[in-house]
Amino acid sequence: PDLTGHEKFGLGNVKYNISRMHVTAVELPSASISLLPASGIKLVIGNASLTIDMNWNIRTWMFKGTGRGKVHISKVFVTAIFSTPLDNTGPTSISLTSCRTTSGDIDIKLNGKS
């Protein structure tokens, strides 16, 4: 989804819109899934990265700018625990019990005009 909003900085408001976001690359160099006692699943992803292309637009009382951008997020670590009850009363269900995510580096490049 697009991100639209405004922030107050110094002498005025900055209105922004980030649109047409597309994930262009995902790397999962280290990922594992393991079974846990009592019907659970643990997913661990280490040192992952993600690249997103997007359009951006900002407007202030003094200037406006628009262009394309690229965001690269690296050193992403995710640990998620899922519960999978086995009660034989219907279809199997999976629920997210816990999730922890950290990221190390974020590189943002904006191209355009103001």
PDB file of N, CA and C in Angstrom:
ATOM      1  N   PRO A   1       0.818  -1.203   0.000  1.00  0.00           N
ATOM      2  CA  PRO A   1       0.000   0.000   0.000  1.00  0.00           C
ATOM      3  C   PRO A   1       0.860   1.264   0.000  1.00  0.00           C
ATOM      4  N   ASP A   2       0.297   2.351  -0.500  1.00  0.00           N
ATOM      5  CA  ASP A   2       0.994   3.637  -0.499  1.00  0.00           C
ATOM      6  C   ASP A   2       1.089   4.172   0.928  1.00  0.00           C
ATOM      7  N   LEU A   3       2.120   4.969   1.178  1.00  0.00           N
ATOM      8  CA  LEU A   3       2.290   5.650   2.459  1.00  0.00           C
ATOM      9  C   LEU A   3       2.100   7.134   2.225  1.00  0.00           C
ATOM     10  N   THR A   4       1.134   7.736   2.894  1.00  0.00           N
ATOM     11  CA  THR A   4       0.856   9.153   2.758  1.00  0.00           C
ATOM     12  C   THR A   4       0.706   9.744   4.153  1.00  0.00           C
ATOM     13  N   GLY A   5       1.246  10.949   4.327  1.00  0.00           N
ATOM     14  CA  GLY A   5       1.120  11.581   5.629  1.00  0.00           C
ATOM     15  C   GLY A   5       1.790  12.930   5.658  1.00  0.00           C
ATOM     16  N   HIS A   6       1.947  13.446   6.870  1.00  0.00           N
ATOM     17  CA  HIS A   6       2.651  14.714   7.047  1.00  0.00           C
ATOM     18  C   HIS A   6       3.380  14.699   8.384  1.00  0.00           C
ATOM     19  N   GLU A   7       4.455  15.432   8.430  1.00  0.00           N
ATOM     20  CA  GLU A   7       5.278  15.571   9.628  1.00  0.00           C
ATOM     21  C   GLU A   7       5.580  17.043   9.839  1.00  0.00           C
ATOM     22  N   LYS A   8       5.725  17.454  11.081  1.00  0.00           N
ATOM     23  CA  LYS A   8       6.058  18.836  11.394  1.00  0.00           C
ATOM     24  C   LYS A   8       7.564  18.931  11.639  1.00  0.00           C
ATOM     25  N   PHE A   9       8.228  19.773  10.847  1.00  0.00           N
ATOM     26  CA  PHE A   9       9.667  19.990  10.977  1.00  0.00           C
ATOM     27  C   PHE A   9       9.927  21.485  11.039  1.00  0.00           C
ATOM     28  N   GLY A  10      10.621  21.924  12.044  1.00  0.00           N
ATOM     29  CA  GLY A  10      11.066  23.313  12.123  1.00  0.00           C
ATOM     30  C   GLY A  10       9.995  24.330  11.828  1.00  0.00           C
ATOM     31  N   LEU A  11      10.054  24.949  10.659  1.00  0.00           N
ATOM     32  CA  LEU A  11       9.174  26.054  10.318  1.00  0.00           C
ATOM     33  C   LEU A  11       7.873  25.649   9.637  1.00  0.00           C
ATOM     34  N   GLY A  12       7.635  24.377   9.417  1.00  0.00           N
ATOM     35  CA  GLY A  12       6.398  24.014   8.725  1.00  0.00           C
ATOM     36  C   GLY A  12       6.171  22.532   8.624  1.00  0.00           C
ATOM     37  N   ASN A  13       5.124  22.201   7.900  1.00  0.00           N
ATOM     38  CA  ASN A  13       4.751  20.807   7.682  1.00  0.00           C
ATOM     39  C   ASN A  13       5.361  20.277   6.393  1.00  0.00           C
ATOM     40  N   VAL A  14       5.685  19.011   6.407  1.00  0.00           N
ATOM     41  CA  VAL A  14       6.144  18.309   5.209  1.00  0.00           C
ATOM     42  C   VAL A  14       5.110  17.244   4.901  1.00  0.00           C
ATOM     43  N   LYS A  15       4.495  17.336   3.723  1.00  0.00           N
ATOM     44  CA  LYS A  15       3.556  16.312   3.267  1.00  0.00           C
ATOM     45  C   LYS A  15       4.320  15.356   2.365  1.00  0.00           C
ATOM     46  N   TYR A  16       4.079  14.055   2.543  1.00  0.00           N
ATOM     47  CA  TYR A  16       4.805  13.072   1.744  1.00  0.00           C
ATOM     48  C   TYR A  16       3.864  12.002   1.219  1.00  0.00           C
ATOM     49  N   ASN A  17       4.292  11.383   0.135  1.00  0.00           N
ATOM     50  CA  ASN A  17       3.582  10.258  -0.450  1.00  0.00           C
ATOM     51  C   ASN A  17       4.626   9.322  -1.038  1.00  0.00           C
ATOM     52  N   ILE A  18       4.594   8.076  -0.613  1.00  0.00           N
ATOM     53  CA  ILE A  18       5.461   7.031  -1.162  1.00  0.00           C
ATOM     54  C   ILE A  18       4.540   6.022  -1.823  1.00  0.00           C
ATOM     55  N   SER A  19       4.717   5.824  -3.131  1.00  0.00           N
ATOM     56  CA  SER A  19       3.777   4.987  -3.877  1.00  0.00           C
ATOM     57  C   SER A  19       4.512   4.011  -4.787  1.00  0.00           C
ATOM     58  N   ARG A  20       3.734   3.111  -5.359  1.00  0.00           N
ATOM     59  CA  ARG A  20       4.240   2.113  -6.310  1.00  0.00           C
ATOM     60  C   ARG A  20       5.459   1.355  -5.775  1.00  0.00           C
ATOM     61  N   MET A  21       5.369   0.933  -4.522  1.00  0.00           N
ATOM     62  CA  MET A  21       6.461   0.169  -3.917  1.00  0.00           C
ATOM     63  C   MET A  21       6.449  -1.255  -4.469  1.00  0.00           C
ATOM     64  N   HIS A  22       7.622  -1.704  -4.899  1.00  0.00           N
ATOM     65  CA  HIS A  22       7.781  -3.053  -5.432  1.00  0.00           C
ATOM     66  C   HIS A  22       9.021  -3.682  -4.824  1.00  0.00           C
ATOM     67  N   VAL A  23       8.860  -4.874  -4.286  1.00  0.00           N
ATOM     68  CA  VAL A  23      10.010  -5.631  -3.798  1.00  0.00           C
ATOM     69  C   VAL A  23      10.718  -6.197  -5.023  1.00  0.00           C
ATOM     70  N   THR A  24      11.981  -5.807  -5.208  1.00  0.00           N
ATOM     71  CA  THR A  24      12.722  -6.236  -6.398  1.00  0.00           C
ATOM     72  C   THR A  24      13.765  -7.313  -6.099  1.00  0.00           C
ATOM     73  N   ALA A  25      14.095  -7.497  -4.827  1.00  0.00           N
ATOM     74  CA  ALA A  25      15.063  -8.545  -4.484  1.00  0.00           C
ATOM     75  C   ALA A  25      14.875  -8.969  -3.028  1.00  0.00           C
ATOM     76  N   VAL A  26      14.996 -10.269  -2.791  1.00  0.00           N
ATOM     77  CA  VAL A  26      14.964 -10.839  -1.443  1.00  0.00           C
ATOM     78  C   VAL A  26      16.059 -11.895  -1.391  1.00  0.00           C
ATOM     79  N   GLU A  27      16.888 -11.822  -0.368  1.00  0.00           N
ATOM     80  CA  GLU A  27      17.931 -12.836  -0.175  1.00  0.00           C
ATOM     81  C   GLU A  27      17.778 -13.433   1.211  1.00  0.00           C
ATOM     82  N   LEU A  28      17.742 -14.761   1.272  1.00  0.00           N
ATOM     83  CA  LEU A  28      17.634 -15.498   2.526  1.00  0.00           C
ATOM     84  C   LEU A  28      18.799 -16.482   2.614  1.00  0.00           C
ATOM     85  N   PRO A  29      20.003 -15.987   2.912  1.00  0.00           N
ATOM     86  CA  PRO A  29      21.164 -16.882   2.906  1.00  0.00           C
ATOM     87  C   PRO A  29      21.164 -17.922   4.022  1.00  0.00           C
ATOM     88  N   SER A  30      20.422 -17.654   5.095  1.00  0.00           N
ATOM     89  CA  SER A  30      20.388 -18.589   6.205  1.00  0.00           C
ATOM     90  C   SER A  30      18.953 -18.676   6.720  1.00  0.00           C
ATOM     91  N   ALA A  31      18.311 -19.805   6.514  1.00  0.00           N
ATOM     92  CA  ALA A  31      16.942 -20.001   6.998  1.00  0.00           C
ATOM     93  C   ALA A  31      16.787 -21.438   7.465  1.00  0.00           C
ATOM     94  N   SER A  32      16.073 -21.608   8.571  1.00  0.00           N
ATOM     95  CA  SER A  32      15.838 -22.960   9.072  1.00  0.00           C
ATOM     96  C   SER A  32      14.452 -23.046   9.699  1.00  0.00           C
ATOM     97  N   ILE A  33      13.887 -24.240   9.624  1.00  0.00           N
ATOM     98  CA  ILE A  33      12.607 -24.535  10.253  1.00  0.00           C
ATOM     99  C   ILE A  33      12.813 -25.763  11.125  1.00  0.00           C
ATOM    100  N   SER A  34      12.318 -25.670  12.363  1.00  0.00           N
ATOM    101  CA  SER A  34      12.443 -26.832  13.254  1.00  0.00           C
ATOM    102  C   SER A  34      11.124 -27.054  13.983  1.00  0.00           C
ATOM    103  N   LEU A  35      10.868 -28.307  14.335  1.00  0.00           N
ATOM    104  CA  LEU A  35       9.680 -28.664  15.094  1.00  0.00           C
ATOM    105  C   LEU A  35       9.956 -28.492  16.574  1.00  0.00           C
ATOM    106  N   LEU A  36       8.968 -27.977  17.294  1.00  0.00           N
ATOM    107  CA  LEU A  36       9.082 -27.776  18.737  1.00  0.00           C
ATOM    108  C   LEU A  36       8.152 -28.741  19.452  1.00  0.00           C
ATOM    109  N   PRO A  37       8.508 -29.143  20.663  1.00  0.00           N
ATOM    110  CA  PRO A  37       7.594 -29.997  21.436  1.00  0.00           C
ATOM    111  C   PRO A  37       6.241 -29.286  21.620  1.00  0.00           C
ATOM    112  N   ALA A  38       5.185 -30.025  21.755  1.00  0.00           N
ATOM    113  CA  ALA A  38       3.827 -29.512  21.967  1.00  0.00           C
ATOM    114  C   ALA A  38       3.290 -28.808  20.728  1.00  0.00           C
ATOM    115  N   SER A  39       3.544 -29.375  19.553  1.00  0.00           N
ATOM    116  CA  SER A  39       2.934 -28.919  18.292  1.00  0.00           C
ATOM    117  C   SER A  39       3.291 -27.504  17.892  1.00  0.00           C
ATOM    118  N   GLY A  40       4.560 -27.193  17.818  1.00  0.00           N
ATOM    119  CA  GLY A  40       4.982 -25.868  17.376  1.00  0.00           C
ATOM    120  C   GLY A  40       6.028 -25.939  16.286  1.00  0.00           C
ATOM    121  N   ILE A  41       6.200 -24.833  15.598  1.00  0.00           N
ATOM    122  CA  ILE A  41       7.200 -24.710  14.543  1.00  0.00           C
ATOM    123  C   ILE A  41       7.993 -23.432  14.797  1.00  0.00           C
ATOM    124  N   LYS A  42       9.306 -23.532  14.674  1.00  0.00           N
ATOM    125  CA  LYS A  42      10.173 -22.371  14.839  1.00  0.00           C
ATOM    126  C   LYS A  42      10.846 -22.071  13.505  1.00  0.00           C
ATOM    127  N   LEU A  43      10.714 -20.825  13.060  1.00  0.00           N
ATOM    128  CA  LEU A  43      11.332 -20.360  11.829  1.00  0.00           C
ATOM    129  C   LEU A  43      12.410 -19.346  12.197  1.00  0.00           C
ATOM    130  N   VAL A  44      13.627 -19.566  11.708  1.00  0.00           N
ATOM    131  CA  VAL A  44      14.737 -18.641  11.959  1.00  0.00           C
ATOM    132  C   VAL A  44      15.336 -18.238  10.620  1.00  0.00           C
ATOM    133  N   ILE A  45      15.395 -16.936  10.381  1.00  0.00           N
ATOM    134  CA  ILE A  45      16.008 -16.389   9.166  1.00  0.00           C
ATOM    135  C   ILE A  45      17.133 -15.482   9.611  1.00  0.00           C
ATOM    136  N   GLY A  46      18.326 -15.702   9.066  1.00  0.00           N
ATOM    137  CA  GLY A  46      19.482 -14.910   9.468  1.00  0.00           C
ATOM    138  C   GLY A  46      20.143 -14.206   8.308  1.00  0.00           C
ATOM    139  N   ASN A  47      20.572 -12.987   8.551  1.00  0.00           N
ATOM    140  CA  ASN A  47      21.346 -12.184   7.594  1.00  0.00           C
ATOM    141  C   ASN A  47      20.637 -12.026   6.248  1.00  0.00           C
ATOM    142  N   ALA A  48      19.331 -11.812   6.296  1.00  0.00           N
ATOM    143  CA  ALA A  48      18.549 -11.631   5.075  1.00  0.00           C
ATOM    144  C   ALA A  48      18.651 -10.186   4.585  1.00  0.00           C
ATOM    145  N   SER A  49      18.233  -9.970   3.332  1.00  0.00           N
ATOM    146  CA  SER A  49      18.200  -8.603   2.795  1.00  0.00           C
ATOM    147  C   SER A  49      16.997  -8.452   1.877  1.00  0.00           C
ATOM    148  N   LEU A  50      16.608  -7.198   1.664  1.00  0.00           N
ATOM    149  CA  LEU A  50      15.417  -6.865   0.911  1.00  0.00           C
ATOM    150  C   LEU A  50      15.652  -5.554   0.179  1.00  0.00           C
ATOM    151  N   THR A  51      15.260  -5.478  -1.089  1.00  0.00           N
ATOM    152  CA  THR A  51      15.367  -4.240  -1.862  1.00  0.00           C
ATOM    153  C   THR A  51      13.986  -3.860  -2.372  1.00  0.00           C
ATOM    154  N   ILE A  52      13.627  -2.580  -2.192  1.00  0.00           N
ATOM    155  CA  ILE A  52      12.321  -2.058  -2.594  1.00  0.00           C
ATOM    156  C   ILE A  52      12.528  -0.836  -3.478  1.00  0.00           C
ATOM    157  N   ASP A  53      11.884  -0.815  -4.658  1.00  0.00           N
ATOM    158  CA  ASP A  53      11.847   0.373  -5.517  1.00  0.00           C
ATOM    159  C   ASP A  53      10.538   1.096  -5.260  1.00  0.00           C
ATOM    160  N   MET A  54      10.535   2.434  -5.434  1.00  0.00           N
ATOM    161  CA  MET A  54       9.331   3.206  -5.122  1.00  0.00           C
ATOM    162  C   MET A  54       9.347   4.562  -5.810  1.00  0.00           C
ATOM    163  N   ASN A  55       8.191   5.210  -5.852  1.00  0.00           N
ATOM    164  CA  ASN A  55       8.073   6.607  -6.223  1.00  0.00           C
ATOM    165  C   ASN A  55       7.930   7.412  -4.933  1.00  0.00           C
ATOM    166  N   TRP A  56       8.449   8.641  -4.924  1.00  0.00           N
ATOM    167  CA  TRP A  56       8.291   9.496  -3.753  1.00  0.00           C
ATOM    168  C   TRP A  56       7.878  10.895  -4.194  1.00  0.00           C
ATOM    169  N   ASN A  57       7.211  11.590  -3.271  1.00  0.00           N
ATOM    170  CA  ASN A  57       6.746  12.935  -3.535  1.00  0.00           C
ATOM    171  C   ASN A  57       6.668  13.655  -2.187  1.00  0.00           C
ATOM    172  N   ILE A  58       7.305  14.822  -2.073  1.00  0.00           N
ATOM    173  CA  ILE A  58       7.196  15.625  -0.859  1.00  0.00           C
ATOM    174  C   ILE A  58       6.803  17.052  -1.237  1.00  0.00           C
ATOM    175  N   ARG A  59       6.149  17.727  -0.292  1.00  0.00           N
ATOM    176  CA  ARG A  59       5.711  19.100  -0.523  1.00  0.00           C
ATOM    177  C   ARG A  59       5.790  19.861   0.802  1.00  0.00           C
ATOM    178  N   THR A  60       6.412  21.038   0.756  1.00  0.00           N
ATOM    179  CA  THR A  60       6.447  21.945   1.893  1.00  0.00           C
ATOM    180  C   THR A  60       5.959  23.308   1.416  1.00  0.00           C
ATOM    181  N   TRP A  61       5.907  24.272   2.316  1.00  0.00           N
ATOM    182  CA  TRP A  61       5.484  25.613   1.923  1.00  0.00           C
ATOM    183  C   TRP A  61       6.521  26.268   1.009  1.00  0.00           C
ATOM    184  N   MET A  62       7.762  25.746   1.042  1.00  0.00           N
ATOM    185  CA  MET A  62       8.839  26.379   0.292  1.00  0.00           C
ATOM    186  C   MET A  62       9.186  25.657  -1.013  1.00  0.00           C
ATOM    187  N   PHE A  63       9.068  24.335  -1.063  1.00  0.00           N
ATOM    188  CA  PHE A  63       9.425  23.593  -2.276  1.00  0.00           C
ATOM    189  C   PHE A  63       8.652  22.285  -2.341  1.00  0.00           C
ATOM    190  N   LYS A  64       8.717  21.677  -3.517  1.00  0.00           N
ATOM    191  CA  LYS A  64       8.148  20.350  -3.691  1.00  0.00           C
ATOM    192  C   LYS A  64       9.151  19.510  -4.464  1.00  0.00           C
ATOM    193  N   GLY A  65       9.095  18.217  -4.264  1.00  0.00           N
ATOM    194  CA  GLY A  65      10.014  17.317  -4.950  1.00  0.00           C
ATOM    195  C   GLY A  65       9.330  16.011  -5.276  1.00  0.00           C
ATOM    196  N   THR A  66       9.829  15.365  -6.325  1.00  0.00           N
ATOM    197  CA  THR A  66       9.268  14.093  -6.742  1.00  0.00           C
ATOM    198  C   THR A  66      10.357  13.270  -7.430  1.00  0.00           C
ATOM    199  N   GLY A  67      10.222  11.961  -7.410  1.00  0.00           N
ATOM    200  CA  GLY A  67      11.210  11.118  -8.078  1.00  0.00           C
ATOM    201  C   GLY A  67      11.031   9.651  -7.772  1.00  0.00           C
ATOM    202  N   ARG A  68      12.091   8.898  -8.035  1.00  0.00           N
ATOM    203  CA  ARG A  68      12.146   7.462  -7.767  1.00  0.00           C
ATOM    204  C   ARG A  68      13.118   7.225  -6.628  1.00  0.00           C
ATOM    205  N   GLY A  69      12.955   6.123  -5.949  1.00  0.00           N
ATOM    206  CA  GLY A  69      13.852   5.790  -4.860  1.00  0.00           C
ATOM    207  C   GLY A  69      14.063   4.298  -4.742  1.00  0.00           C
ATOM    208  N   LYS A  70      15.105   3.947  -4.004  1.00  0.00           N
ATOM    209  CA  LYS A  70      15.425   2.543  -3.745  1.00  0.00           C
ATOM    210  C   LYS A  70      15.814   2.426  -2.274  1.00  0.00           C
ATOM    211  N   VAL A  71      15.254   1.443  -1.600  1.00  0.00           N
ATOM    212  CA  VAL A  71      15.589   1.166  -0.203  1.00  0.00           C
ATOM    213  C   VAL A  71      16.166  -0.239  -0.147  1.00  0.00           C
ATOM    214  N   HIS A  72      17.346  -0.364   0.469  1.00  0.00           N
ATOM    215  CA  HIS A  72      17.974  -1.675   0.657  1.00  0.00           C
ATOM    216  C   HIS A  72      18.122  -1.893   2.160  1.00  0.00           C
ATOM    217  N   ILE A  73      17.479  -2.942   2.662  1.00  0.00           N
ATOM    218  CA  ILE A  73      17.541  -3.294   4.081  1.00  0.00           C
ATOM    219  C   ILE A  73      18.351  -4.572   4.188  1.00  0.00           C
ATOM    220  N   SER A  74      19.402  -4.546   5.020  1.00  0.00           N
ATOM    221  CA  SER A  74      20.254  -5.736   5.145  1.00  0.00           C
ATOM    222  C   SER A  74      20.476  -6.080   6.614  1.00  0.00           C
ATOM    223  N   LYS A  75      21.099  -7.218   6.819  1.00  0.00           N
ATOM    224  CA  LYS A  75      21.339  -7.764   8.160  1.00  0.00           C
ATOM    225  C   LYS A  75      20.025  -7.919   8.924  1.00  0.00           C
ATOM    226  N   VAL A  76      19.038  -8.508   8.235  1.00  0.00           N
ATOM    227  CA  VAL A  76      17.729  -8.740   8.832  1.00  0.00           C
ATOM    228  C   VAL A  76      17.718 -10.127   9.481  1.00  0.00           C
ATOM    229  N   PHE A  77      17.263 -10.171  10.725  1.00  0.00           N
ATOM    230  CA  PHE A  77      17.155 -11.424  11.471  1.00  0.00           C
ATOM    231  C   PHE A  77      15.723 -11.567  11.969  1.00  0.00           C
ATOM    232  N   VAL A  78      15.128 -12.740  11.734  1.00  0.00           N
ATOM    233  CA  VAL A  78      13.742 -12.998  12.125  1.00  0.00           C
ATOM    234  C   VAL A  78      13.688 -14.329  12.870  1.00  0.00           C
ATOM    235  N   THR A  79      12.988 -14.334  14.000  1.00  0.00           N
ATOM    236  CA  THR A  79      12.665 -15.574  14.699  1.00  0.00           C
ATOM    237  C   THR A  79      11.166 -15.565  14.935  1.00  0.00           C
ATOM    238  N   ALA A  80      10.475 -16.575  14.434  1.00  0.00           N
ATOM    239  CA  ALA A  80       9.023 -16.664  14.583  1.00  0.00           C
ATOM    240  C   ALA A  80       8.645 -18.036  15.115  1.00  0.00           C
ATOM    241  N   ILE A  81       7.700 -18.057  16.032  1.00  0.00           N
ATOM    242  CA  ILE A  81       7.181 -19.300  16.602  1.00  0.00           C
ATOM    243  C   ILE A  81       5.712 -19.417  16.205  1.00  0.00           C
ATOM    244  N   PHE A  82       5.354 -20.548  15.623  1.00  0.00           N
ATOM    245  CA  PHE A  82       3.981 -20.813  15.216  1.00  0.00           C
ATOM    246  C   PHE A  82       3.442 -21.976  16.036  1.00  0.00           C
ATOM    247  N   SER A  83       2.188 -21.880  16.459  1.00  0.00           N
ATOM    248  CA  SER A  83       1.561 -23.024  17.126  1.00  0.00           C
ATOM    249  C   SER A  83       0.662 -23.730  16.118  1.00  0.00           C
ATOM    250  N   THR A  84       0.682 -25.056  16.186  1.00  0.00           N
ATOM    251  CA  THR A  84      -0.111 -25.882  15.282  1.00  0.00           C
ATOM    252  C   THR A  84      -0.854 -26.929  16.094  1.00  0.00           C
ATOM    253  N   PRO A  85      -2.009 -26.553  16.653  1.00  0.00           N
ATOM    254  CA  PRO A  85      -2.742 -27.519  17.476  1.00  0.00           C
ATOM    255  C   PRO A  85      -3.193 -28.734  16.656  1.00  0.00           C
ATOM    256  N   LEU A  86      -3.068 -29.885  17.263  1.00  0.00           N
ATOM    257  CA  LEU A  86      -3.461 -31.141  16.606  1.00  0.00           C
ATOM    258  C   LEU A  86      -4.637 -31.742  17.370  1.00  0.00           C
ATOM    259  N   ASP A  87      -5.829 -31.195  17.145  1.00  0.00           N
ATOM    260  CA  ASP A  87      -6.986 -31.670  17.900  1.00  0.00           C
ATOM    261  C   ASP A  87      -7.940 -32.539  17.077  1.00  0.00           C
ATOM    262  N   ASN A  88      -7.666 -32.747  15.808  1.00  0.00           N
ATOM    263  CA  ASN A  88      -8.471 -33.592  14.926  1.00  0.00           C
ATOM    264  C   ASN A  88      -9.947 -33.193  14.867  1.00  0.00           C
ATOM    265  N   THR A  89     -10.290 -31.959  15.157  1.00  0.00           N
ATOM    266  CA  THR A  89     -11.689 -31.526  15.112  1.00  0.00           C
ATOM    267  C   THR A  89     -12.008 -30.743  13.850  1.00  0.00           C
ATOM    268  N   GLY A  90     -11.069 -30.547  12.999  1.00  0.00           N
ATOM    269  CA  GLY A  90     -11.313 -29.781  11.783  1.00  0.00           C
ATOM    270  C   GLY A  90     -10.019 -29.585  11.028  1.00  0.00           C
ATOM    271  N   PRO A  91     -10.001 -28.610  10.117  1.00  0.00           N
ATOM    272  CA  PRO A  91      -8.782 -28.366   9.348  1.00  0.00           C
ATOM    273  C   PRO A  91      -7.640 -27.891  10.246  1.00  0.00           C
ATOM    274  N   THR A  92      -6.441 -28.226   9.833  1.00  0.00           N
ATOM    275  CA  THR A  92      -5.258 -27.789  10.586  1.00  0.00           C
ATOM    276  C   THR A  92      -5.141 -26.277  10.526  1.00  0.00           C
ATOM    277  N   SER A  93      -4.828 -25.666  11.646  1.00  0.00           N
ATOM    278  CA  SER A  93      -4.657 -24.218  11.691  1.00  0.00           C
ATOM    279  C   SER A  93      -3.257 -23.895  12.201  1.00  0.00           C
ATOM    280  N   ILE A  94      -2.766 -22.734  11.815  1.00  0.00           N
ATOM    281  CA  ILE A  94      -1.460 -22.257  12.262  1.00  0.00           C
ATOM    282  C   ILE A  94      -1.649 -20.854  12.808  1.00  0.00           C
ATOM    283  N   SER A  95      -1.126 -20.605  14.005  1.00  0.00           N
ATOM    284  CA  SER A  95      -1.202 -19.276  14.622  1.00  0.00           C
ATOM    285  C   SER A  95       0.200 -18.794  14.950  1.00  0.00           C
ATOM    286  N   LEU A  96       0.446 -17.518  14.699  1.00  0.00           N
ATOM    287  CA  LEU A  96       1.729 -16.918  15.059  1.00  0.00           C
ATOM    288  C   LEU A  96       1.714 -16.633  16.548  1.00  0.00           C
ATOM    289  N   THR A  97       2.627 -17.270  17.287  1.00  0.00           N
ATOM    290  CA  THR A  97       2.694 -17.114  18.738  1.00  0.00           C
ATOM    291  C   THR A  97       3.617 -15.970  19.132  1.00  0.00           C
ATOM    292  N   SER A  98       4.770 -15.887  18.461  1.00  0.00           N
ATOM    293  CA  SER A  98       5.699 -14.793  18.739  1.00  0.00           C
ATOM    294  C   SER A  98       6.558 -14.531  17.510  1.00  0.00           C
ATOM    295  N   CYS A  99       7.039 -13.299  17.420  1.00  0.00           N
ATOM    296  CA  CYS A  99       7.881 -12.920  16.293  1.00  0.00           C
ATOM    297  C   CYS A  99       8.829 -11.814  16.741  1.00  0.00           C
ATOM    298  N   ARG A 100      10.089 -11.963  16.420  1.00  0.00           N
ATOM    299  CA  ARG A 100      11.098 -10.948  16.738  1.00  0.00           C
ATOM    300  C   ARG A 100      11.907 -10.689  15.479  1.00  0.00           C
ATOM    301  N   THR A 101      12.024  -9.414  15.110  1.00  0.00           N
ATOM    302  CA  THR A 101      12.746  -9.023  13.906  1.00  0.00           C
ATOM    303  C   THR A 101      13.685  -7.882  14.227  1.00  0.00           C
ATOM    304  N   THR A 102      14.908  -7.965  13.716  1.00  0.00           N
ATOM    305  CA  THR A 102      15.861  -6.854  13.828  1.00  0.00           C
ATOM    306  C   THR A 102      16.486  -6.635  12.458  1.00  0.00           C
ATOM    307  N   SER A 103      16.868  -5.386  12.201  1.00  0.00           N
ATOM    308  CA  SER A 103      17.585  -5.088  10.961  1.00  0.00           C
ATOM    309  C   SER A 103      18.814  -4.271  11.306  1.00  0.00           C
ATOM    310  N   GLY A 104      19.875  -4.481  10.551  1.00  0.00           N
ATOM    311  CA  GLY A 104      21.133  -3.825  10.845  1.00  0.00           C
ATOM    312  C   GLY A 104      21.357  -2.551  10.059  1.00  0.00           C
ATOM    313  N   ASP A 105      21.190  -2.604   8.747  1.00  0.00           N
ATOM    314  CA  ASP A 105      21.496  -1.457   7.895  1.00  0.00           C
ATOM    315  C   ASP A 105      20.329  -1.148   6.976  1.00  0.00           C
ATOM    316  N   ILE A 106      20.081   0.155   6.783  1.00  0.00           N
ATOM    317  CA  ILE A 106      19.082   0.613   5.822  1.00  0.00           C
ATOM    318  C   ILE A 106      19.741   1.681   4.961  1.00  0.00           C
ATOM    319  N   ASP A 107      19.764   1.444   3.653  1.00  0.00           N
ATOM    320  CA  ASP A 107      20.355   2.379   2.698  1.00  0.00           C
ATOM    321  C   ASP A 107      19.229   2.916   1.815  1.00  0.00           C
ATOM    322  N   ILE A 108      19.043   4.242   1.808  1.00  0.00           N
ATOM    323  CA  ILE A 108      17.980   4.881   1.036  1.00  0.00           C
ATOM    324  C   ILE A 108      18.616   5.790  -0.010  1.00  0.00           C
ATOM    325  N   LYS A 109      18.233   5.583  -1.265  1.00  0.00           N
ATOM    326  CA  LYS A 109      18.721   6.433  -2.363  1.00  0.00           C
ATOM    327  C   LYS A 109      17.508   7.045  -3.052  1.00  0.00           C
ATOM    328  N   LEU A 110      17.494   8.385  -3.148  1.00  0.00           N
ATOM    329  CA  LEU A 110      16.408   9.093  -3.792  1.00  0.00           C
ATOM    330  C   LEU A 110      16.949   9.832  -5.013  1.00  0.00           C
ATOM    331  N   ASN A 111      16.264   9.709  -6.129  1.00  0.00           N
ATOM    332  CA  ASN A 111      16.584  10.436  -7.342  1.00  0.00           C
ATOM    333  C   ASN A 111      15.353  11.242  -7.735  1.00  0.00           C
ATOM    334  N   GLY A 112      15.566  12.439  -8.264  1.00  0.00           N
ATOM    335  CA  GLY A 112      14.414  13.216  -8.697  1.00  0.00           C
ATOM    336  C   GLY A 112      14.703  14.692  -8.789  1.00  0.00           C
ATOM    337  N   LYS A 113      13.621  15.484  -8.745  1.00  0.00           N
ATOM    338  CA  LYS A 113      13.704  16.931  -8.898  1.00  0.00           C
ATOM    339  C   LYS A 113      13.038  17.622  -7.722  1.00  0.00           C
ATOM    340  N   SER A 114      13.499  18.807  -7.398  1.00  0.00           N
ATOM    341  CA  SER A 114      12.813  19.631  -6.404  1.00  0.00           C
ATOM    342  C   SER A 114      12.793  21.073  -6.891  1.00  0.00           C
TER     343      SER A 114
END
